[in-house]
């Protein structure tokens, strides 16, 4: 079964909320990168996710630091996402299916962010 990004984009457009520091197009760029990397690493398309999950991910996407969430200015540069996603898939987790919901849960992205920063020093 092939992942239908066009259909996903339509659902994401319905889930997108005004006031997000990232545009819908920028959010879709991150999703596309994640889903492509998932398929490259896992050898199969990413499983479908629900509209409520898409909305939550888009709300969290512009922020790494918990205190910044919901603000009008993002605290993570959009261009950093491909590296964070790559680092995520190179990290070995116990009992992880690498679903995008895992990437956007807890401190996963924050830890990859610090790992990426360390690589630039």
N, C-alpha and C. Protein backbone atom coordinates (compact mmCIF):
# COMPACT_ATOMS: atom_id res chain seq x y z
N UNK A 1 0.83 -1.18 0.00
CA UNK A 1 0.00 0.00 0.00
C UNK A 1 0.88 1.25 0.00
N UNK A 2 0.63 2.13 -0.90
CA UNK A 2 1.43 3.34 -1.05
C UNK A 2 0.83 4.48 -0.23
N UNK A 3 1.71 5.30 0.36
CA UNK A 3 1.24 6.45 1.14
C UNK A 3 0.74 7.53 0.19
N UNK A 4 -0.47 8.00 0.41
CA UNK A 4 -1.09 9.00 -0.46
C UNK A 4 -0.88 10.39 0.16
N UNK A 5 0.22 11.05 -0.23
CA UNK A 5 0.54 12.35 0.36
C UNK A 5 -0.45 13.42 -0.07
N UNK A 6 -1.02 13.30 -1.25
CA UNK A 6 -2.01 14.27 -1.70
C UNK A 6 -3.24 14.24 -0.78
N UNK A 7 -3.70 13.06 -0.47
CA UNK A 7 -4.84 12.90 0.45
C UNK A 7 -4.46 13.40 1.84
N UNK A 8 -3.27 13.04 2.29
CA UNK A 8 -2.79 13.50 3.58
C UNK A 8 -2.77 15.03 3.64
N UNK A 9 -2.32 15.67 2.57
CA UNK A 9 -2.24 17.13 2.51
C UNK A 9 -3.61 17.78 2.65
N UNK A 10 -4.61 17.17 2.05
CA UNK A 10 -5.98 17.69 2.18
C UNK A 10 -6.47 17.61 3.62
N UNK A 11 -6.18 16.50 4.28
CA UNK A 11 -6.57 16.34 5.69
C UNK A 11 -5.80 17.33 6.56
N UNK A 12 -4.51 17.49 6.29
CA UNK A 12 -3.68 18.44 7.05
C UNK A 12 -4.21 19.86 6.89
N UNK A 13 -4.66 20.21 5.69
CA UNK A 13 -5.21 21.56 5.46
C UNK A 13 -6.43 21.80 6.34
N UNK A 14 -7.24 20.77 6.54
CA UNK A 14 -8.42 20.89 7.41
C UNK A 14 -8.01 20.98 8.88
N UNK A 15 -6.91 20.35 9.24
CA UNK A 15 -6.45 20.31 10.63
C UNK A 15 -5.60 21.53 11.01
N UNK A 16 -5.07 22.23 10.02
CA UNK A 16 -4.17 23.37 10.26
C UNK A 16 -4.93 24.51 10.95
N UNK A 17 -4.28 25.10 11.94
CA UNK A 17 -4.90 26.21 12.68
C UNK A 17 -4.13 27.50 12.44
N UNK A 18 -4.88 28.57 12.17
CA UNK A 18 -4.28 29.89 11.99
C UNK A 18 -3.55 30.27 13.28
N UNK A 19 -2.49 31.04 13.12
CA UNK A 19 -1.69 31.46 14.27
C UNK A 19 -0.44 30.62 14.45
N UNK A 20 -0.36 29.53 13.70
CA UNK A 20 0.85 28.70 13.74
C UNK A 20 1.99 29.49 13.09
N UNK A 21 3.16 29.57 13.74
CA UNK A 21 4.28 30.29 13.13
C UNK A 21 4.74 29.69 11.79
N UNK A 22 4.51 28.38 11.60
CA UNK A 22 4.80 27.74 10.32
C UNK A 22 3.56 27.81 9.44
N UNK A 23 3.77 28.03 8.18
CA UNK A 23 2.66 27.97 7.23
C UNK A 23 2.25 26.51 7.03
N UNK A 24 1.10 26.30 6.44
CA UNK A 24 0.68 24.94 6.11
C UNK A 24 1.72 24.28 5.21
N UNK A 25 2.21 25.01 4.24
CA UNK A 25 3.20 24.47 3.31
C UNK A 25 4.47 24.04 4.04
N UNK A 26 4.89 24.82 5.01
CA UNK A 26 6.09 24.46 5.78
C UNK A 26 5.84 23.20 6.61
N UNK A 27 4.67 23.11 7.22
CA UNK A 27 4.31 21.90 7.97
C UNK A 27 4.33 20.68 7.05
N UNK A 28 3.75 20.84 5.87
CA UNK A 28 3.71 19.72 4.92
C UNK A 28 5.11 19.32 4.48
N UNK A 29 6.01 20.29 4.39
CA UNK A 29 7.41 20.00 4.04
C UNK A 29 8.05 19.09 5.09
N UNK A 30 7.80 19.37 6.36
CA UNK A 30 8.33 18.52 7.44
C UNK A 30 7.70 17.13 7.37
N UNK A 31 6.38 17.07 7.20
CA UNK A 31 5.71 15.77 7.08
C UNK A 31 6.28 14.97 5.91
N UNK A 32 6.44 15.62 4.76
CA UNK A 32 6.95 14.93 3.58
C UNK A 32 8.35 14.36 3.85
N UNK A 33 9.21 15.17 4.47
CA UNK A 33 10.56 14.72 4.80
C UNK A 33 10.51 13.52 5.73
N UNK A 34 9.66 13.60 6.75
CA UNK A 34 9.57 12.51 7.71
C UNK A 34 9.07 11.23 7.04
N UNK A 35 7.99 11.34 6.28
CA UNK A 35 7.41 10.16 5.65
C UNK A 35 8.37 9.52 4.64
N UNK A 36 9.11 10.34 3.91
CA UNK A 36 10.07 9.80 2.95
C UNK A 36 11.21 9.10 3.67
N UNK A 37 11.70 9.71 4.75
CA UNK A 37 12.79 9.10 5.52
C UNK A 37 12.31 7.80 6.17
N UNK A 38 11.09 7.82 6.67
CA UNK A 38 10.50 6.60 7.25
C UNK A 38 10.52 5.47 6.22
N UNK A 39 10.04 5.78 5.03
CA UNK A 39 9.97 4.75 3.98
C UNK A 39 11.37 4.26 3.59
N UNK A 40 12.33 5.19 3.52
CA UNK A 40 13.72 4.81 3.20
C UNK A 40 14.30 3.86 4.25
N UNK A 41 14.05 4.15 5.52
CA UNK A 41 14.62 3.35 6.61
C UNK A 41 13.83 2.07 6.88
N UNK A 42 12.51 2.15 6.80
CA UNK A 42 11.67 1.03 7.20
C UNK A 42 11.28 0.12 6.02
N UNK A 43 11.43 0.63 4.81
CA UNK A 43 11.11 -0.18 3.65
C UNK A 43 9.63 -0.31 3.35
N UNK A 44 8.84 0.54 3.98
CA UNK A 44 7.38 0.53 3.75
C UNK A 44 6.85 1.93 4.04
N UNK A 45 5.68 2.25 3.51
CA UNK A 45 5.10 3.57 3.77
C UNK A 45 4.72 3.74 5.24
N UNK A 46 4.75 4.98 5.70
CA UNK A 46 4.31 5.29 7.06
C UNK A 46 2.82 4.97 7.19
N UNK A 47 2.41 4.39 8.31
CA UNK A 47 0.98 4.11 8.48
C UNK A 47 0.17 5.41 8.57
N UNK A 48 -1.09 5.37 8.19
CA UNK A 48 -1.93 6.57 8.27
C UNK A 48 -2.05 7.07 9.71
N UNK A 49 -2.19 8.39 9.85
CA UNK A 49 -2.44 8.96 11.16
C UNK A 49 -3.73 9.78 11.10
N UNK A 50 -4.37 9.90 12.23
CA UNK A 50 -5.67 10.59 12.30
C UNK A 50 -5.51 12.11 12.26
N UNK A 51 -6.59 12.74 11.87
CA UNK A 51 -6.62 14.21 11.76
C UNK A 51 -6.24 14.89 13.08
N UNK A 52 -6.71 14.37 14.19
CA UNK A 52 -6.39 14.96 15.49
C UNK A 52 -4.89 14.86 15.77
N UNK A 53 -4.27 13.78 15.33
CA UNK A 53 -2.82 13.61 15.50
C UNK A 53 -2.06 14.60 14.61
N UNK A 54 -2.54 14.78 13.39
CA UNK A 54 -1.93 15.74 12.46
C UNK A 54 -1.99 17.14 13.06
N UNK A 55 -3.15 17.51 13.61
CA UNK A 55 -3.32 18.83 14.21
C UNK A 55 -2.36 19.02 15.38
N UNK A 56 -2.24 18.02 16.24
CA UNK A 56 -1.34 18.11 17.40
C UNK A 56 0.11 18.27 16.95
N UNK A 57 0.51 17.49 15.96
CA UNK A 57 1.88 17.56 15.47
C UNK A 57 2.17 18.94 14.88
N UNK A 58 1.24 19.48 14.10
CA UNK A 58 1.47 20.80 13.51
C UNK A 58 1.55 21.88 14.59
N UNK A 59 0.79 21.72 15.66
CA UNK A 59 0.86 22.67 16.77
C UNK A 59 2.20 22.62 17.48
N UNK A 60 2.77 21.44 17.59
CA UNK A 60 4.05 21.27 18.29
C UNK A 60 5.26 21.52 17.41
N UNK A 61 5.09 21.38 16.11
CA UNK A 61 6.20 21.43 15.16
C UNK A 61 7.12 22.64 15.30
N UNK A 62 6.60 23.85 15.49
CA UNK A 62 7.48 25.02 15.55
C UNK A 62 8.28 25.17 16.85
N UNK A 63 8.05 24.28 17.81
CA UNK A 63 8.64 24.48 19.13
C UNK A 63 9.39 23.24 19.62
N UNK A 64 10.53 23.49 20.23
CA UNK A 64 11.29 22.44 20.90
C UNK A 64 11.12 22.58 22.41
N UNK A 65 11.20 23.80 22.89
CA UNK A 65 11.13 24.07 24.32
C UNK A 65 9.67 24.18 24.76
N UNK A 66 9.32 23.42 25.77
CA UNK A 66 7.93 23.34 26.25
C UNK A 66 7.33 24.72 26.55
N UNK A 67 8.12 25.59 27.17
CA UNK A 67 7.61 26.91 27.57
C UNK A 67 7.29 27.79 26.37
N UNK A 68 7.88 27.52 25.22
CA UNK A 68 7.65 28.33 24.02
C UNK A 68 6.39 27.92 23.25
N UNK A 69 5.86 26.74 23.55
CA UNK A 69 4.72 26.22 22.79
C UNK A 69 3.53 27.16 22.84
N UNK A 70 2.94 27.38 21.69
CA UNK A 70 1.78 28.25 21.59
C UNK A 70 2.14 29.70 21.36
N UNK A 71 3.42 30.00 21.36
CA UNK A 71 3.86 31.37 21.11
C UNK A 71 3.74 31.74 19.64
N UNK A 72 3.98 32.98 19.34
CA UNK A 72 3.84 33.44 17.95
C UNK A 72 5.16 33.32 17.17
N UNK A 73 6.25 32.96 17.86
CA UNK A 73 7.55 32.82 17.20
C UNK A 73 8.08 31.42 17.47
N UNK A 74 8.48 30.75 16.40
CA UNK A 74 9.00 29.40 16.55
C UNK A 74 10.37 29.44 17.23
N UNK A 75 10.74 28.34 17.89
CA UNK A 75 12.07 28.27 18.47
C UNK A 75 12.94 27.23 17.77
N UNK A 76 12.43 26.68 16.67
CA UNK A 76 13.24 25.76 15.86
C UNK A 76 13.14 26.18 14.40
N UNK A 77 14.29 26.30 13.79
CA UNK A 77 14.36 26.69 12.39
C UNK A 77 13.90 25.52 11.52
N UNK A 78 13.01 25.80 10.62
CA UNK A 78 12.44 24.79 9.73
C UNK A 78 13.53 23.99 9.01
N UNK A 79 14.61 24.65 8.63
CA UNK A 79 15.68 23.99 7.87
C UNK A 79 16.43 22.93 8.68
N UNK A 80 16.23 22.93 10.00
CA UNK A 80 16.91 21.96 10.85
C UNK A 80 16.19 20.60 10.86
N UNK A 81 14.94 20.58 10.45
CA UNK A 81 14.17 19.33 10.53
C UNK A 81 14.76 18.15 9.77
N UNK A 82 15.26 18.31 8.55
CA UNK A 82 15.84 17.13 7.88
C UNK A 82 16.96 16.47 8.70
N UNK A 83 17.79 17.28 9.37
CA UNK A 83 18.85 16.72 10.20
C UNK A 83 18.27 16.04 11.43
N UNK A 84 17.30 16.66 12.09
CA UNK A 84 16.70 16.05 13.27
C UNK A 84 16.05 14.72 12.92
N UNK A 85 15.38 14.68 11.79
CA UNK A 85 14.72 13.44 11.35
C UNK A 85 15.76 12.36 11.06
N UNK A 86 16.82 12.74 10.40
CA UNK A 86 17.89 11.79 10.11
C UNK A 86 18.50 11.25 11.41
N UNK A 87 18.77 12.13 12.36
CA UNK A 87 19.32 11.70 13.65
C UNK A 87 18.34 10.79 14.39
N UNK A 88 17.07 11.09 14.28
CA UNK A 88 16.04 10.26 14.93
C UNK A 88 16.09 8.83 14.40
N UNK A 89 16.19 8.67 13.11
CA UNK A 89 16.20 7.33 12.54
C UNK A 89 17.52 6.60 12.78
N UNK A 90 18.57 7.32 13.10
CA UNK A 90 19.85 6.68 13.43
C UNK A 90 19.93 6.31 14.91
N UNK A 91 18.97 6.80 15.70
CA UNK A 91 18.94 6.50 17.13
C UNK A 91 18.22 5.18 17.36
N UNK A 92 18.82 4.33 18.16
CA UNK A 92 18.21 3.03 18.49
C UNK A 92 17.38 3.20 19.75
N UNK A 93 16.08 2.99 19.63
CA UNK A 93 15.15 3.05 20.76
C UNK A 93 14.68 1.63 21.04
N UNK A 94 14.28 1.41 22.27
CA UNK A 94 13.72 0.11 22.62
C UNK A 94 12.23 0.11 22.28
N UNK A 95 11.77 -0.89 21.57
CA UNK A 95 10.35 -1.04 21.21
C UNK A 95 9.79 0.19 20.50
N UNK A 96 10.46 0.63 19.46
CA UNK A 96 10.02 1.82 18.72
C UNK A 96 9.68 1.44 17.28
N UNK A 97 8.53 1.92 16.81
CA UNK A 97 8.15 1.67 15.43
C UNK A 97 8.46 2.86 14.52
N UNK A 98 9.08 3.92 15.08
CA UNK A 98 9.49 5.13 14.35
C UNK A 98 8.32 5.88 13.73
N UNK A 99 7.14 5.68 14.26
CA UNK A 99 5.98 6.44 13.83
C UNK A 99 6.21 7.92 14.13
N UNK A 100 5.70 8.79 13.31
CA UNK A 100 5.88 10.23 13.50
C UNK A 100 5.34 10.69 14.86
N UNK A 101 4.34 10.00 15.38
CA UNK A 101 3.82 10.35 16.70
C UNK A 101 4.88 10.17 17.78
N UNK A 102 5.76 9.20 17.61
CA UNK A 102 6.86 9.00 18.56
C UNK A 102 7.84 10.17 18.47
N UNK A 103 8.17 10.58 17.27
CA UNK A 103 9.10 11.69 17.05
C UNK A 103 8.61 12.98 17.72
N UNK A 104 7.30 13.17 17.71
CA UNK A 104 6.71 14.38 18.29
C UNK A 104 6.18 14.14 19.71
N UNK A 105 6.71 13.15 20.39
CA UNK A 105 6.28 12.90 21.77
C UNK A 105 7.43 13.16 22.73
N UNK A 106 7.10 13.48 23.96
CA UNK A 106 8.11 13.66 24.99
C UNK A 106 9.22 14.61 24.57
N UNK A 107 10.44 14.19 24.84
CA UNK A 107 11.61 15.03 24.56
C UNK A 107 12.42 14.51 23.36
N UNK A 108 11.83 13.67 22.54
CA UNK A 108 12.56 13.06 21.42
C UNK A 108 13.20 14.12 20.53
N UNK A 109 12.42 15.07 20.05
CA UNK A 109 12.98 16.11 19.16
C UNK A 109 13.97 16.99 19.90
N UNK A 110 13.69 17.31 21.16
CA UNK A 110 14.60 18.15 21.94
C UNK A 110 15.97 17.48 22.06
N UNK A 111 16.00 16.20 22.33
CA UNK A 111 17.28 15.48 22.44
C UNK A 111 18.01 15.44 21.10
N UNK A 112 17.29 15.23 20.02
CA UNK A 112 17.92 15.25 18.69
C UNK A 112 18.43 16.67 18.36
N UNK A 113 17.70 17.70 18.82
CA UNK A 113 18.10 19.09 18.62
C UNK A 113 19.45 19.34 19.30
N UNK A 114 19.59 18.90 20.55
CA UNK A 114 20.86 19.10 21.26
C UNK A 114 21.98 18.29 20.63
N UNK A 115 21.63 17.12 20.15
CA UNK A 115 22.60 16.28 19.44
C UNK A 115 23.07 16.99 18.17
N UNK A 116 22.16 17.60 17.45
CA UNK A 116 22.51 18.34 16.22
C UNK A 116 23.38 19.54 16.55
N UNK A 117 23.03 20.27 17.61
CA UNK A 117 23.83 21.43 18.01
C UNK A 117 25.24 21.03 18.37
N UNK A 118 25.38 19.90 19.07
CA UNK A 118 26.69 19.40 19.48
C UNK A 118 27.56 19.13 18.25
N UNK A 119 26.94 18.63 17.20
CA UNK A 119 27.67 18.33 15.96
C UNK A 119 28.19 19.56 15.26
N UNK A 120 27.63 20.73 15.57
CA UNK A 120 28.04 21.97 14.91
C UNK A 120 29.13 22.71 15.67
N UNK A 121 29.45 22.25 16.90
CA UNK A 121 30.47 22.93 17.71
C UNK A 121 31.86 22.63 17.21
